[in-house]
Amino acid sequence: MILPEQKRMITQDIVRKLWDEAGYGNLAVWENDTVTVVPADYCGETSGKKPLVILKPIALVNRYELLDFALYDDELLTKIEETIRAAGGRVSRGPK
């Protein structure tokens, strides 16, 4: 039986969400490869489950004048990927 490849998070999609949520909340990355918006004062647990990581948009993307700058910054993309992978998540970079 051939199983479909599990969907992985795409780094650039995460950057877009970070950009959209800057000033409104943080992003929680979950074990099931989903990303949700959580309030800035999020306690770190929902229904007894903790996210792998919480990404803070202002700290990550606030220094960029345009979204495109963030989407193509290898340092930013690598930082996000390493953070998620270190916590046990799966993420891959989309095509340029």
N, C-alpha and C. Protein backbone atom coordinates (compact mmCIF):
# COMPACT_ATOMS: atom_id res chain seq x y z
N MET A 1 0.84 -1.18 0.00
CA MET A 1 0.00 0.00 0.00
C MET A 1 0.89 1.25 0.00
N ILE A 2 0.66 2.14 -0.91
CA ILE A 2 1.42 3.38 -0.99
C ILE A 2 0.64 4.47 -0.28
N LEU A 3 1.27 5.05 0.70
CA LEU A 3 0.63 6.13 1.45
C LEU A 3 1.01 7.47 0.83
N PRO A 4 0.07 8.39 0.77
CA PRO A 4 0.42 9.72 0.26
C PRO A 4 1.42 10.38 1.20
N GLU A 5 2.32 11.15 0.63
CA GLU A 5 3.29 11.86 1.45
C GLU A 5 2.55 12.83 2.35
N GLN A 6 2.93 12.81 3.62
CA GLN A 6 2.29 13.73 4.55
C GLN A 6 2.66 15.16 4.19
N LYS A 7 1.71 16.02 4.32
CA LYS A 7 1.94 17.43 4.02
C LYS A 7 2.85 18.03 5.07
N ARG A 8 3.86 18.72 4.60
CA ARG A 8 4.77 19.42 5.50
C ARG A 8 4.47 20.90 5.45
N MET A 9 4.85 21.55 6.51
CA MET A 9 4.70 23.00 6.53
C MET A 9 5.74 23.59 5.58
N ILE A 10 5.37 24.66 4.91
CA ILE A 10 6.26 25.36 4.00
C ILE A 10 6.73 26.64 4.70
N THR A 11 8.03 26.82 4.74
CA THR A 11 8.60 27.95 5.47
C THR A 11 8.03 29.29 5.00
N GLN A 12 7.93 29.49 3.69
CA GLN A 12 7.43 30.76 3.18
C GLN A 12 5.98 31.00 3.58
N ASP A 13 5.18 29.94 3.69
CA ASP A 13 3.80 30.09 4.16
C ASP A 13 3.78 30.58 5.61
N ILE A 14 4.71 30.08 6.40
CA ILE A 14 4.81 30.52 7.79
C ILE A 14 5.21 31.99 7.85
N VAL A 15 6.15 32.40 6.99
CA VAL A 15 6.56 33.80 6.95
C VAL A 15 5.37 34.69 6.58
N ARG A 16 4.56 34.26 5.62
CA ARG A 16 3.37 35.05 5.25
C ARG A 16 2.43 35.21 6.43
N LYS A 17 2.23 34.12 7.19
CA LYS A 17 1.35 34.20 8.37
C LYS A 17 1.96 35.11 9.44
N LEU A 18 3.25 35.00 9.61
CA LEU A 18 3.92 35.87 10.58
C LEU A 18 3.71 37.33 10.18
N TRP A 19 3.87 37.62 8.91
CA TRP A 19 3.70 38.99 8.39
C TRP A 19 2.28 39.47 8.65
N ASP A 20 1.30 38.63 8.35
CA ASP A 20 -0.11 39.00 8.52
C ASP A 20 -0.49 39.21 9.98
N GLU A 21 0.14 38.48 10.87
CA GLU A 21 -0.24 38.53 12.29
C GLU A 21 0.60 39.48 13.12
N ALA A 22 1.60 40.10 12.53
CA ALA A 22 2.46 41.02 13.29
C ALA A 22 1.60 42.08 13.97
N GLY A 23 1.69 42.16 15.27
CA GLY A 23 0.91 43.12 16.03
C GLY A 23 -0.43 42.58 16.52
N TYR A 24 -0.82 41.39 16.06
CA TYR A 24 -2.13 40.83 16.45
C TYR A 24 -2.01 39.59 17.32
N GLY A 25 -0.95 38.84 17.15
CA GLY A 25 -0.79 37.61 17.92
C GLY A 25 0.46 36.88 17.50
N ASN A 26 0.66 35.72 18.08
CA ASN A 26 1.79 34.86 17.76
C ASN A 26 1.30 33.64 17.00
N LEU A 27 2.24 32.86 16.48
CA LEU A 27 1.88 31.64 15.78
C LEU A 27 2.34 30.43 16.58
N ALA A 28 1.43 29.50 16.79
CA ALA A 28 1.76 28.24 17.45
C ALA A 28 1.91 27.18 16.38
N VAL A 29 3.02 26.46 16.41
CA VAL A 29 3.28 25.37 15.48
C VAL A 29 3.03 24.08 16.24
N TRP A 30 2.14 23.24 15.69
CA TRP A 30 1.69 22.05 16.39
C TRP A 30 2.32 20.79 15.80
N GLU A 31 2.25 19.73 16.57
CA GLU A 31 2.81 18.43 16.21
C GLU A 31 2.22 17.87 14.92
N ASN A 32 0.98 18.22 14.60
CA ASN A 32 0.31 17.70 13.41
C ASN A 32 0.56 18.57 12.17
N ASP A 33 1.61 19.38 12.21
CA ASP A 33 2.02 20.22 11.09
C ASP A 33 1.01 21.32 10.76
N THR A 34 0.33 21.81 11.77
CA THR A 34 -0.56 22.95 11.57
C THR A 34 0.01 24.15 12.31
N VAL A 35 -0.42 25.31 11.87
CA VAL A 35 0.00 26.57 12.48
C VAL A 35 -1.26 27.35 12.79
N THR A 36 -1.39 27.79 14.03
CA THR A 36 -2.56 28.57 14.42
C THR A 36 -2.11 29.87 15.07
N VAL A 37 -2.98 30.85 15.02
CA VAL A 37 -2.73 32.13 15.66
C VAL A 37 -3.16 32.02 17.12
N VAL A 38 -2.30 32.50 18.00
CA VAL A 38 -2.62 32.52 19.43
C VAL A 38 -2.38 33.93 19.94
N PRO A 39 -3.07 34.33 20.99
CA PRO A 39 -2.88 35.67 21.52
C PRO A 39 -1.45 35.86 22.05
N ALA A 40 -1.02 37.09 22.11
CA ALA A 40 0.33 37.41 22.58
C ALA A 40 0.56 36.90 24.00
N ASP A 41 -0.49 36.84 24.81
CA ASP A 41 -0.36 36.37 26.19
C ASP A 41 -0.73 34.89 26.35
N TYR A 42 -0.66 34.14 25.28
CA TYR A 42 -1.02 32.71 25.28
C TYR A 42 -0.23 31.96 26.35
N CYS A 43 -0.91 31.12 27.10
CA CYS A 43 -0.30 30.41 28.22
C CYS A 43 0.54 29.21 27.78
N GLY A 44 0.44 28.81 26.52
CA GLY A 44 1.28 27.72 26.02
C GLY A 44 0.63 26.36 26.02
N GLU A 45 -0.69 26.29 26.26
CA GLU A 45 -1.36 24.99 26.26
C GLU A 45 -2.82 25.16 25.87
N THR A 46 -3.30 24.26 25.00
CA THR A 46 -4.69 24.25 24.59
C THR A 46 -5.22 22.83 24.70
N SER A 47 -6.28 22.65 25.44
CA SER A 47 -6.90 21.33 25.63
C SER A 47 -5.87 20.28 26.05
N GLY A 48 -4.96 20.69 26.92
CA GLY A 48 -3.96 19.76 27.42
C GLY A 48 -2.79 19.50 26.48
N LYS A 49 -2.76 20.17 25.35
CA LYS A 49 -1.67 19.97 24.39
C LYS A 49 -0.85 21.24 24.26
N LYS A 50 0.46 21.05 24.16
CA LYS A 50 1.36 22.19 24.01
C LYS A 50 1.87 22.22 22.57
N PRO A 51 2.02 23.41 22.01
CA PRO A 51 2.60 23.51 20.67
C PRO A 51 4.09 23.17 20.71
N LEU A 52 4.63 22.81 19.54
CA LEU A 52 6.07 22.56 19.45
C LEU A 52 6.84 23.84 19.72
N VAL A 53 6.41 24.92 19.07
CA VAL A 53 7.05 26.22 19.25
C VAL A 53 6.01 27.31 19.09
N ILE A 54 6.33 28.46 19.63
CA ILE A 54 5.52 29.66 19.40
C ILE A 54 6.44 30.68 18.74
N LEU A 55 6.04 31.11 17.55
CA LEU A 55 6.82 32.08 16.79
C LEU A 55 6.23 33.46 17.00
N LYS A 56 7.08 34.41 17.26
CA LYS A 56 6.66 35.78 17.54
C LYS A 56 6.91 36.65 16.30
N PRO A 57 5.83 37.07 15.63
CA PRO A 57 5.97 37.81 14.37
C PRO A 57 6.82 39.07 14.46
N ILE A 58 6.60 39.88 15.49
CA ILE A 58 7.32 41.15 15.55
C ILE A 58 8.83 40.90 15.65
N ALA A 59 9.23 39.92 16.41
CA ALA A 59 10.65 39.62 16.55
C ALA A 59 11.25 39.06 15.26
N LEU A 60 10.44 38.39 14.45
CA LEU A 60 10.96 37.74 13.24
C LEU A 60 10.84 38.57 11.98
N VAL A 61 9.72 39.25 11.77
CA VAL A 61 9.52 39.91 10.47
C VAL A 61 9.38 41.43 10.53
N ASN A 62 9.40 42.00 11.70
CA ASN A 62 9.17 43.44 11.83
C ASN A 62 10.27 44.29 11.17
N ARG A 63 11.45 43.75 11.02
CA ARG A 63 12.56 44.53 10.45
C ARG A 63 12.51 44.66 8.94
N TYR A 64 11.59 43.95 8.29
CA TYR A 64 11.50 43.99 6.83
C TYR A 64 10.48 45.03 6.39
N GLU A 65 10.85 45.80 5.39
CA GLU A 65 9.94 46.82 4.87
C GLU A 65 8.84 46.22 4.00
N LEU A 66 9.17 45.13 3.31
CA LEU A 66 8.21 44.47 2.43
C LEU A 66 8.22 42.97 2.69
N LEU A 67 7.08 42.35 2.50
CA LEU A 67 6.95 40.91 2.68
C LEU A 67 7.94 40.15 1.81
N ASP A 68 8.14 40.58 0.57
CA ASP A 68 9.06 39.89 -0.33
C ASP A 68 10.47 39.82 0.24
N PHE A 69 10.89 40.84 0.96
CA PHE A 69 12.22 40.82 1.57
C PHE A 69 12.32 39.67 2.58
N ALA A 70 11.29 39.50 3.37
CA ALA A 70 11.27 38.42 4.36
C ALA A 70 11.19 37.05 3.69
N LEU A 71 10.40 36.94 2.64
CA LEU A 71 10.22 35.65 1.96
C LEU A 71 11.50 35.12 1.33
N TYR A 72 12.44 36.01 1.02
CA TYR A 72 13.67 35.58 0.34
C TYR A 72 14.92 35.77 1.20
N ASP A 73 14.74 35.99 2.48
CA ASP A 73 15.88 36.15 3.38
C ASP A 73 16.27 34.76 3.91
N ASP A 74 17.39 34.25 3.41
CA ASP A 74 17.83 32.91 3.80
C ASP A 74 18.06 32.79 5.30
N GLU A 75 18.56 33.85 5.92
CA GLU A 75 18.81 33.81 7.36
C GLU A 75 17.50 33.62 8.14
N LEU A 76 16.47 34.35 7.77
CA LEU A 76 15.17 34.23 8.43
C LEU A 76 14.57 32.85 8.19
N LEU A 77 14.58 32.40 6.95
CA LEU A 77 14.01 31.09 6.62
C LEU A 77 14.73 29.97 7.37
N THR A 78 16.04 30.06 7.40
CA THR A 78 16.82 29.04 8.11
C THR A 78 16.52 29.06 9.60
N LYS A 79 16.41 30.24 10.19
CA LYS A 79 16.12 30.36 11.62
C LYS A 79 14.78 29.70 11.96
N ILE A 80 13.77 29.96 11.16
CA ILE A 80 12.44 29.37 11.38
C ILE A 80 12.52 27.85 11.23
N GLU A 81 13.17 27.39 10.18
CA GLU A 81 13.28 25.94 9.94
C GLU A 81 14.02 25.23 11.06
N GLU A 82 15.13 25.80 11.50
CA GLU A 82 15.91 25.19 12.58
C GLU A 82 15.13 25.16 13.89
N THR A 83 14.39 26.21 14.16
CA THR A 83 13.58 26.27 15.39
C THR A 83 12.51 25.18 15.39
N ILE A 84 11.82 25.04 14.27
CA ILE A 84 10.75 24.03 14.19
C ILE A 84 11.33 22.63 14.23
N ARG A 85 12.39 22.39 13.49
CA ARG A 85 13.00 21.05 13.46
C ARG A 85 13.57 20.67 14.81
N ALA A 86 14.17 21.62 15.52
CA ALA A 86 14.74 21.34 16.84
C ALA A 86 13.66 20.90 17.83
N ALA A 87 12.43 21.36 17.60
CA ALA A 87 11.31 20.99 18.47
C ALA A 87 10.62 19.70 18.01
N GLY A 88 11.09 19.12 16.90
CA GLY A 88 10.51 17.87 16.42
C GLY A 88 9.53 18.04 15.27
N GLY A 89 9.38 19.26 14.76
CA GLY A 89 8.46 19.50 13.65
C GLY A 89 9.10 19.25 12.30
N ARG A 90 8.27 19.26 11.29
CA ARG A 90 8.74 19.04 9.92
C ARG A 90 8.36 20.26 9.09
N VAL A 91 9.34 20.81 8.41
CA VAL A 91 9.12 21.99 7.60
C VAL A 91 10.07 21.93 6.41
N SER A 92 9.64 22.43 5.29
CA SER A 92 10.53 22.48 4.14
C SER A 92 10.34 23.81 3.42
N ARG A 93 11.38 24.21 2.74
CA ARG A 93 11.37 25.46 2.02
C ARG A 93 10.69 25.26 0.68
N GLY A 94 9.80 26.17 0.33
CA GLY A 94 9.13 26.12 -0.95
C GLY A 94 10.05 26.61 -2.07
N PRO A 95 9.62 26.42 -3.31
CA PRO A 95 10.45 26.87 -4.43
C PRO A 95 10.52 28.40 -4.46
N LYS A 96 11.62 28.88 -5.00
CA LYS A 96 11.81 30.34 -5.08
C LYS A 96 11.11 30.89 -6.28
